[in-house]
Protein backbone atom coordinates (compact mmCIF):
# COMPACT_ATOMS: atom_id res chain seq x y z
CA MET A 1 -1.94 12.79 8.36
CA ARG A 2 -0.02 13.18 11.60
CA TYR A 3 3.32 11.58 12.47
CA ALA A 4 3.14 8.19 14.20
CA SER A 5 5.60 5.56 15.38
CA LEU A 6 5.53 2.02 16.78
CA GLY A 7 8.23 -0.35 17.97
CA GLU A 8 11.99 0.11 17.90
CA VAL A 9 13.10 3.12 15.85
CA PRO A 10 16.70 4.43 15.84
CA ALA A 11 17.56 8.06 16.44
CA LYS A 12 18.70 8.55 12.83
CA ARG A 13 17.52 7.30 9.44
CA HIS A 14 19.60 5.08 7.14
CA VAL A 15 21.99 3.91 9.87
CA GLN A 16 23.15 0.46 10.96
CA VAL A 17 20.56 -1.13 13.25
CA ARG A 18 20.74 -4.60 14.79
CA ARG A 19 17.94 -6.01 16.86
CA ASP A 20 19.91 -8.00 19.43
CA GLY A 21 23.34 -6.47 19.56
CA SER A 22 26.47 -6.57 17.45
CA GLY A 23 26.24 -10.28 16.64
CA SER A 24 22.85 -10.20 14.96
CA PRO A 25 22.15 -9.34 11.31
CA LEU A 26 21.43 -5.80 10.21
CA LEU A 27 17.78 -4.84 10.08
CA VAL A 28 16.49 -4.04 6.59
CA GLU A 29 15.18 -0.53 6.10
CA GLU A 30 12.24 0.10 3.75
CA VAL A 31 11.02 3.56 2.76
CA MET A 32 7.35 3.48 1.73
CA GLY A 33 6.35 6.80 0.23
CA TYR A 34 4.41 8.75 -2.35
CA GLU A 35 5.52 10.98 -5.20
CA GLY A 36 9.05 9.65 -5.58
CA PHE A 37 10.49 10.71 -2.21
CA SER A 38 8.67 14.05 -2.36
CA GLY A 39 5.37 13.08 -0.70
CA ASN A 40 4.45 11.54 2.64
CA GLU A 41 6.43 8.49 3.65
CA SER A 42 7.12 6.02 6.43
CA ILE A 43 10.26 4.03 7.18
CA LEU A 44 9.93 0.41 8.28
CA LEU A 45 12.65 -1.81 9.77
CA HIS A 46 12.36 -5.48 8.71
CA LEU A 47 14.09 -8.61 9.94
CA GLN A 48 14.31 -9.82 6.31
CA SER A 49 14.35 -8.13 2.92
CA PRO A 50 10.77 -7.18 1.89
CA CYS A 51 11.81 -8.22 -1.65
CA ARG A 52 12.37 -11.85 -0.63
CA LEU A 53 10.24 -14.39 -2.56
CA ASP A 54 10.02 -18.17 -2.50
CA ALA A 55 7.91 -18.61 -5.65
CA VAL A 56 6.04 -16.54 -8.24
CA GLY A 57 2.51 -17.66 -9.04
CA ASP A 58 -0.13 -16.78 -11.60
CA PHE A 59 -1.33 -13.37 -12.76
CA ARG A 60 -5.09 -12.95 -13.06
CA PRO A 61 -6.45 -9.86 -14.87
CA ILE A 62 -9.43 -8.04 -13.35
CA GLU A 63 -12.59 -8.55 -15.37
CA ARG A 64 -15.36 -5.96 -15.11
CA GLU A 65 -18.83 -6.63 -16.44
CA GLU A 66 -20.56 -3.39 -17.39
CA TRP A 67 -24.26 -2.64 -17.50
CA VAL A 68 -25.13 0.10 -19.97
CA PRO A 69 -28.72 1.18 -19.20
CA ASP A 70 -31.08 2.10 -22.00
CA ALA A 71 -31.89 5.45 -20.35
CA HIS A 72 -29.96 8.17 -18.53
CA VAL A 73 -32.04 8.69 -15.37
CA HIS A 74 -31.77 8.95 -11.60
CA ARG A 75 -31.38 5.49 -10.08
CA LEU A 76 -32.04 3.69 -6.83
CA ALA A 77 -30.49 0.38 -5.81
CA ASP A 78 -30.97 -1.82 -2.75
CA ALA A 79 -27.73 -3.44 -1.60
CA ASN A 80 -29.37 -5.45 1.19
CA PRO A 81 -30.05 -8.52 -1.03
CA VAL A 82 -26.45 -8.62 -2.34
CA GLU A 83 -25.14 -12.09 -1.62
CA THR A 84 -22.78 -12.83 1.25
CA GLY A 85 -19.71 -15.00 0.97
CA GLY A 86 -16.00 -15.00 0.36
CA ASP A 87 -13.09 -13.44 2.17
CA PRO A 88 -12.54 -9.68 2.59
CA VAL A 89 -10.98 -9.44 -0.88
CA SER A 90 -12.90 -11.99 -2.97
CA ALA A 91 -16.21 -10.86 -1.42
CA ARG A 92 -15.96 -7.45 -3.11
CA GLN A 93 -18.58 -7.17 -5.82
CA LEU A 94 -18.02 -4.25 -8.17
CA LEU A 95 -20.87 -1.74 -8.24
CA MET A 96 -19.46 1.19 -10.27
CA TRP A 97 -16.20 2.61 -11.51
CA ASN A 98 -14.32 5.10 -13.63
CA GLY A 99 -10.63 5.94 -14.05
CA ASP A 100 -10.47 7.57 -10.61
CA ILE A 101 -12.51 5.31 -8.32
CA GLU A 102 -13.99 1.85 -7.96
CA VAL A 103 -16.82 1.12 -5.53
CA SER A 104 -17.73 -2.39 -4.42
CA ILE A 105 -20.10 -4.03 -1.95
CA ALA A 106 -18.55 -6.72 0.26
CA LYS A 107 -20.21 -9.07 2.75
CA PRO A 108 -17.37 -11.43 3.72
CA THR A 109 -18.11 -14.57 5.70
CA GLU A 110 -14.60 -15.99 6.07
CA GLU A 111 -11.11 -14.78 6.80
CA LEU A 112 -8.47 -14.18 4.15
CA ASP A 113 -6.22 -17.15 3.47
CA GLY A 114 -2.87 -15.46 3.35
CA PHE A 115 -2.16 -11.77 2.80
CA TYR A 116 -3.18 -9.01 0.42
CA ARG A 117 -1.52 -5.85 -0.84
CA ASN A 118 -2.92 -3.23 -3.19
CA GLY A 119 0.09 -2.16 -5.22
CA GLU A 120 -1.75 0.31 -7.45
CA GLY A 121 -4.11 2.26 -5.23
CA ASP A 122 -5.32 3.42 -1.84
CA GLU A 123 -8.38 1.80 -0.32
CA VAL A 124 -11.15 2.93 1.99
CA ILE A 125 -13.61 0.50 3.57
CA TYR A 126 -16.76 1.93 5.13
CA VAL A 127 -17.97 -0.60 7.71
CA HIS A 128 -21.76 -0.46 7.54
CA ARG A 129 -22.12 -3.65 9.58
CA GLY A 130 -19.53 -5.67 11.44
CA ARG A 131 -16.26 -5.34 13.28
CA GLY A 132 -12.85 -6.94 13.38
CA SER A 133 -9.17 -6.15 13.07
CA LEU A 134 -7.10 -5.14 10.08
CA ARG A 135 -3.75 -6.85 10.62
CA THR A 136 -0.94 -5.10 8.77
CA VAL A 137 2.81 -4.78 8.43
CA PHE A 138 2.35 -1.56 10.47
CA GLY A 139 0.44 -3.35 13.23
CA ARG A 140 -3.09 -4.18 14.23
CA VAL A 141 -5.93 -1.74 13.48
CA PRO A 142 -9.23 -2.62 15.23
CA PHE A 143 -12.37 -1.49 13.41
CA ARG A 144 -16.08 -1.29 14.22
CA GLU A 145 -19.37 -0.22 12.69
CA ARG A 146 -19.34 3.21 11.04
CA ASP A 147 -15.55 3.20 10.74
CA TYR A 148 -13.81 4.33 7.60
CA VAL A 149 -10.77 2.03 7.35
CA VAL A 150 -8.09 3.73 5.24
CA ILE A 151 -5.37 1.47 3.80
CA PRO A 152 -2.47 3.12 1.93
CA ARG A 153 -1.19 1.39 -1.19
CA GLY A 154 1.67 -1.00 -0.61
CA THR A 155 0.39 -2.08 2.82
CA THR A 156 0.59 -5.86 3.24
CA HIS A 157 -2.38 -6.89 5.34
CA SER A 158 -4.93 -9.47 6.34
CA PHE A 159 -8.18 -9.41 8.31
CA GLU A 160 -9.39 -10.95 11.55
CA LEU A 161 -13.19 -11.24 11.70
CA PRO A 162 -15.37 -12.50 14.57
CA GLU A 163 -16.90 -15.83 13.65
CA GLY A 164 -20.54 -15.67 12.64
CA GLU A 165 -20.85 -11.87 12.77
CA GLU A 166 -22.51 -10.04 9.88
CA GLN A 167 -20.19 -7.93 7.74
CA PHE A 168 -21.46 -5.35 5.21
CA TRP A 169 -18.85 -3.03 3.73
CA VAL A 170 -18.72 -0.36 1.05
CA CYS A 171 -15.22 -0.54 -0.47
CA PHE A 172 -13.42 2.20 -2.41
CA HIS A 173 -10.28 1.85 -4.51
CA THR A 174 -8.46 4.75 -6.15
CA PRO A 175 -5.22 4.95 -8.12
CA GLY A 176 -4.76 8.31 -6.41
CA GLU A 177 -4.17 9.18 -2.78
CA ILE A 178 -6.84 9.35 -0.06
CA GLU A 179 -6.39 12.55 1.94
CA THR A 180 -8.27 14.90 4.22
CA PRO A 181 -9.49 17.94 2.25
CA ASN A 182 -6.88 20.58 1.49
CA ARG A 183 -9.03 23.37 2.92
CA TYR A 184 -9.03 21.68 6.34
CA ARG A 185 -5.22 21.81 6.65
CA ASN A 186 -2.74 24.60 7.25
CA ARG A 187 0.48 24.92 5.26
CA TYR A 188 2.20 22.50 7.67
CA GLY A 189 -0.45 19.81 7.17
CA GLN A 190 -2.12 20.15 10.58
CA LEU A 191 -5.91 20.08 10.67
CA LEU A 192 -7.40 23.51 11.30
CA GLU A 193 -9.67 24.49 14.17
CA HIS A 194 -12.68 24.83 11.89
CA ALA A 195 -12.23 21.35 10.36
CA PRO A 196 -15.05 18.90 11.21
CA PHE A 197 -12.56 16.58 12.91
CA SER A 198 -9.14 16.69 14.57
CA GLN A 199 -6.07 14.45 14.66
CA ARG A 200 -7.50 12.84 17.81
CA ASP A 201 -10.29 11.29 15.73
CA PHE A 202 -7.90 9.33 13.48
CA HIS A 203 -6.68 6.05 14.97
CA PRO A 204 -3.41 4.50 13.73
CA PRO A 205 -2.32 0.91 14.47
CA ALA A 206 -2.79 0.07 18.13
CA GLU A 207 -0.02 -2.52 18.49
CA LEU A 208 2.84 -3.89 16.42
CA GLU A 209 2.92 -7.59 15.58
CA THR A 210 6.41 -8.89 14.77
CA TYR A 211 6.87 -12.44 13.49
CA ASP A 212 10.21 -14.13 12.88
CA GLU A 213 8.76 -17.25 11.28
CA ALA A 214 9.60 -19.54 8.38
CA GLY A 215 6.89 -21.31 6.41
CA GLU A 216 4.61 -20.80 3.43
CA PHE A 217 2.86 -17.43 3.28
CA PRO A 218 0.79 -16.63 0.16
CA VAL A 219 0.46 -12.97 -0.80
CA THR A 220 -1.88 -11.58 -3.46
CA VAL A 221 -0.82 -8.21 -4.90
CA ARG A 222 -3.07 -6.03 -7.02
CA VAL A 223 -0.90 -4.61 -9.84
CA ARG A 224 -1.34 -3.67 -13.51
CA ASP A 225 -5.12 -4.07 -13.30
CA GLY A 226 -4.86 -7.64 -12.08
CA TYR A 227 -3.83 -9.90 -9.22
CA GLN A 228 -0.35 -11.40 -9.00
CA GLU A 229 0.21 -14.36 -6.68
CA TYR A 230 3.42 -14.80 -4.70
CA LEU A 231 4.63 -17.25 -2.09
CA LEU A 232 6.91 -16.09 0.73
CA ASP A 233 9.01 -18.37 2.91
CA ARG A 234 9.11 -15.83 5.76
CA HIS A 235 6.18 -14.17 7.53
CA PRO A 236 5.63 -10.70 6.00
CA PHE A 237 4.90 -9.11 9.40
CA ASP A 238 8.57 -8.99 10.38
CA VAL A 239 8.73 -5.24 11.14
CA VAL A 240 10.30 -4.38 14.48
CA GLY A 241 9.64 -0.65 14.23
CA TRP A 242 8.41 2.10 11.93
CA ASP A 243 7.71 5.80 11.89
CA GLY A 244 6.34 8.38 9.48
CA TYR A 245 3.19 9.78 7.95
CA VAL A 246 1.98 6.78 5.88
CA PHE A 247 0.05 4.08 7.75
CA PRO A 248 -3.44 2.56 7.90
CA TYR A 249 -5.98 4.17 10.22
CA THR A 250 -9.65 4.39 11.09
CA PHE A 251 -12.01 7.33 11.37
CA ASN A 252 -15.54 6.78 12.69
CA ALA A 253 -18.50 8.58 11.11
CA ASP A 254 -19.83 9.37 14.59
CA ASP A 255 -16.72 11.51 15.14
CA PHE A 256 -17.55 13.78 12.20
CA GLU A 257 -18.66 17.15 13.59
CA PRO A 258 -21.30 18.46 11.17
CA ARG A 259 -21.65 22.14 10.42
CA ALA A 260 -24.95 24.03 10.40
CA GLY A 261 -25.91 27.52 9.27
CA ARG A 262 -28.71 30.00 9.42
CA PHE A 263 -29.56 28.79 5.90
CA HIS A 264 -28.79 25.49 4.21
CA LEU A 265 -25.11 24.63 3.69
CA PRO A 266 -24.11 22.85 0.46
CA PRO A 267 -22.68 19.29 0.35
CA PRO A 268 -18.99 20.34 0.60
CA ALA A 269 -19.71 21.07 4.28
CA HIS A 270 -19.90 17.29 4.73
CA GLN A 271 -16.64 16.44 2.94
CA THR A 272 -14.45 13.91 4.78
CA PHE A 273 -11.87 12.72 2.24
CA GLN A 274 -10.60 13.74 -1.17
CA GLY A 275 -9.11 11.77 -4.03
CA PRO A 276 -8.32 12.57 -7.66
CA ASN A 277 -11.53 13.91 -9.23
CA PHE A 278 -13.78 12.70 -6.40
CA VAL A 279 -14.71 13.38 -2.78
CA ILE A 280 -16.21 11.25 0.02
CA CYS A 281 -18.65 12.97 2.38
CA THR A 282 -20.31 12.05 5.68
CA PHE A 283 -23.88 13.25 6.21
CA ALA A 284 -24.04 12.92 9.99
CA PRO A 285 -26.98 13.77 12.28
CA ARG A 286 -26.97 17.55 12.77
CA MET A 287 -28.93 20.62 13.72
CA LEU A 288 -30.96 22.10 10.89
CA ASP A 289 -30.98 25.69 9.63
CA TRP A 290 -32.39 28.03 12.24
CA ASP A 291 -33.73 31.02 10.34
CA PRO A 292 -37.57 30.98 10.62
CA GLU A 293 -37.81 31.35 6.83
CA ALA A 294 -35.18 28.69 6.05
CA VAL A 295 -35.94 25.72 3.83
CA THR A 296 -34.36 22.93 5.86
CA LEU A 297 -33.93 20.38 3.08
CA PRO A 298 -31.40 20.61 0.25
CA TYR A 299 -32.37 22.86 -2.61
CA HIS A 300 -32.73 21.43 -6.10
CA HIS A 301 -29.47 21.42 -8.00
CA SER A 302 -28.08 20.19 -11.30
CA ASN A 303 -24.94 18.07 -11.30
CA ILE A 304 -23.54 19.70 -14.40
CA GLN A 305 -20.03 18.30 -13.91
CA SER A 306 -20.40 15.55 -11.34
CA GLU A 307 -22.06 12.24 -10.48
CA GLU A 308 -23.53 12.02 -6.97
CA VAL A 309 -23.95 8.68 -5.19
CA MET A 310 -25.41 8.34 -1.70
CA PHE A 311 -25.32 5.25 0.53
CA TYR A 312 -27.99 5.45 3.25
CA ALA A 313 -26.43 4.10 6.43
CA ALA A 314 -28.87 4.92 9.25
CA GLY A 315 -31.95 6.94 10.16
CA ASP A 316 -34.84 8.18 8.03
CA TYR A 317 -33.85 10.23 5.01
CA ALA A 318 -36.58 12.88 4.81
CA ALA A 319 -35.86 14.05 1.26
CA ARG A 320 -36.29 10.62 -0.34
CA ALA A 321 -39.45 8.49 -0.54
CA GLY A 322 -39.04 4.73 -0.41
CA VAL A 323 -35.33 4.81 0.38
CA ASP A 324 -34.26 2.58 3.25
CA VAL A 325 -31.03 1.82 5.09
CA GLY A 326 -28.68 -0.11 2.82
CA CYS A 327 -29.94 1.56 -0.34
CA LEU A 328 -28.02 3.76 -2.77
CA THR A 329 -29.11 6.57 -5.05
CA LEU A 330 -27.28 7.70 -8.16
CA HIS A 331 -27.95 11.22 -9.43
CA PRO A 332 -25.90 11.43 -12.64
CA SER A 333 -24.54 14.47 -14.39
CA GLY A 334 -26.81 16.56 -16.58
CA LEU A 335 -30.02 16.11 -14.57
CA PRO A 336 -31.42 18.28 -11.75
CA HIS A 337 -32.39 16.59 -8.51
CA GLY A 338 -33.64 17.55 -5.09
CA PRO A 339 -36.31 16.75 -2.50
CA GLN A 340 -39.28 14.75 -3.73
CA PRO A 341 -42.81 16.21 -3.76
CA GLY A 342 -44.11 17.12 -0.30
CA ALA A 343 -40.78 16.53 1.45
CA VAL A 344 -39.91 20.21 1.89
CA GLU A 345 -43.25 21.08 3.48
CA GLN A 346 -43.08 18.10 5.82
CA ALA A 347 -39.61 19.12 7.01
CA LEU A 348 -40.49 22.74 7.84
CA GLY A 349 -40.16 23.41 11.55
CA LYS A 350 -37.89 20.44 12.24
CA THR A 351 -34.76 21.33 14.19
CA ALA A 352 -32.50 18.32 13.63
CA THR A 353 -31.89 15.26 11.47
CA ASP A 354 -31.20 11.69 12.55
CA GLU A 355 -29.75 10.60 9.22
CA LEU A 356 -26.37 9.06 8.46
CA ALA A 357 -25.22 8.66 4.88
CA VAL A 358 -21.97 8.28 2.96
CA MET A 359 -21.78 10.20 -0.32
CA TRP A 360 -19.22 10.18 -3.09
CA ASP A 361 -19.16 12.74 -5.87
CA THR A 362 -17.09 12.07 -8.96
CA PHE A 363 -16.15 14.62 -11.57
CA ARG A 364 -16.00 12.11 -14.39
CA PRO A 365 -18.90 9.86 -15.45
CA LEU A 366 -19.38 6.58 -13.65
CA ARG A 367 -19.85 3.22 -15.34
CA LEU A 368 -22.27 0.78 -13.73
CA ALA A 369 -21.48 -2.88 -13.16
CA THR A 370 -23.99 -5.66 -13.72
CA LEU A 371 -24.46 -5.86 -9.94
CA TRP A 372 -26.32 -2.53 -10.07
CA GLN A 373 -28.64 -3.93 -12.73
CA GLU A 374 -29.48 -6.84 -10.39
CA VAL A 375 -30.56 -4.51 -7.56
CA ASP A 376 -31.85 -1.55 -9.58
CA LYS A 377 -35.28 0.02 -8.77
CA PRO A 378 -36.29 1.68 -12.06
CA GLU A 379 -39.45 3.30 -10.63
CA TYR A 380 -37.26 5.77 -8.74
CA ALA A 381 -36.76 7.84 -11.91
CA LEU A 382 -40.45 8.85 -11.83
CA SER A 383 -40.65 9.55 -8.10
CA TRP A 384 -40.58 13.36 -8.53
CA ASN A 385 -43.91 13.19 -10.38
CA PRO A 386 -46.68 13.16 -7.73
CA ASP A 387 -49.04 11.44 -10.17
CA LYS A 388 -46.62 8.53 -10.57
CA GLN A 389 -44.88 8.47 -7.20
CA VAL A 390 -44.90 5.02 -5.65
CA ALA A 391 -42.70 3.46 -3.03
CA PRO A 392 -40.10 1.21 -4.68
CA THR A 393 -40.91 -2.47 -4.49
CA ALA A 394 -39.03 -4.67 -2.08
């Protein structure tokens, strides 16, 4: 990610800085970085120590309820009926997970009471429906539909949501680091000319919010596979300036520049982010393959070493019968998959797609939560058999 800065930043690091002249207290410098001072980092200047606590509350371990299906098959789920409610953290309902990634569906209806910090992983929120502002120690980050909201670990934040507006998010957590793909960057870290996006498409905090306030400020921190409660007596957004390469940002799916070829390009052409043992891809509307003999839909393939999950965000997905916006498909490892019967012939001669989908591929098996069982459409497993193909029930 590129360098960014907001607020008052001195010319040198680790020097004496006072906000209002020689009579005021020293500002408190915090280095927030990855890989033990060897990875990307940012430096924040606080009015108070970021270690300051007023009280330590309870620790609540995370409980995951797993659904172990009787059969290993391709699966379809409809996330539209998933219940609404809760704040942007408590509303997250776990859908699937492994040691590298957790995926949840969230439909928050109220704002967060206090503040939240993920102390053990990076987060990405894909905003399928809704808008608002992510308010952070780095500043305010407005978001809108089709935004990926990327929140680095250790970022104290809250949310501001318009009253009464529908919110529908797909939330990712990883104990690793969310990055743009290595092959899109040169040895200095700058995005290359042939990348499907540029630095201009990534939007850091728009304005810094600095509070010098006393009071009671609850903070929930995700650590050690649980949630630890704290109470602060000073507002956590007391940063007067920061700079570096670690900060929250948004990237909108409409800014992804899809690639096309004379013949069909494989899914890595759609890759947007990478994490440990998984990728996140954006299937944006694009021109189709232009050779007169080209097969314009994806060829059948076997996920020998990966699990493929697709969230259908907009448009009409030609390769899948009975799949609507807000649905998900899971094509697990060990089974071939591809277009359903008749789809290839129907797509011949088409020149473009109007589909938008978010895909994540994991290289270790996924475990399903009981939420998937509630919204599962078991008939999907037979949908490649033309004698049994039926549209999934509502």
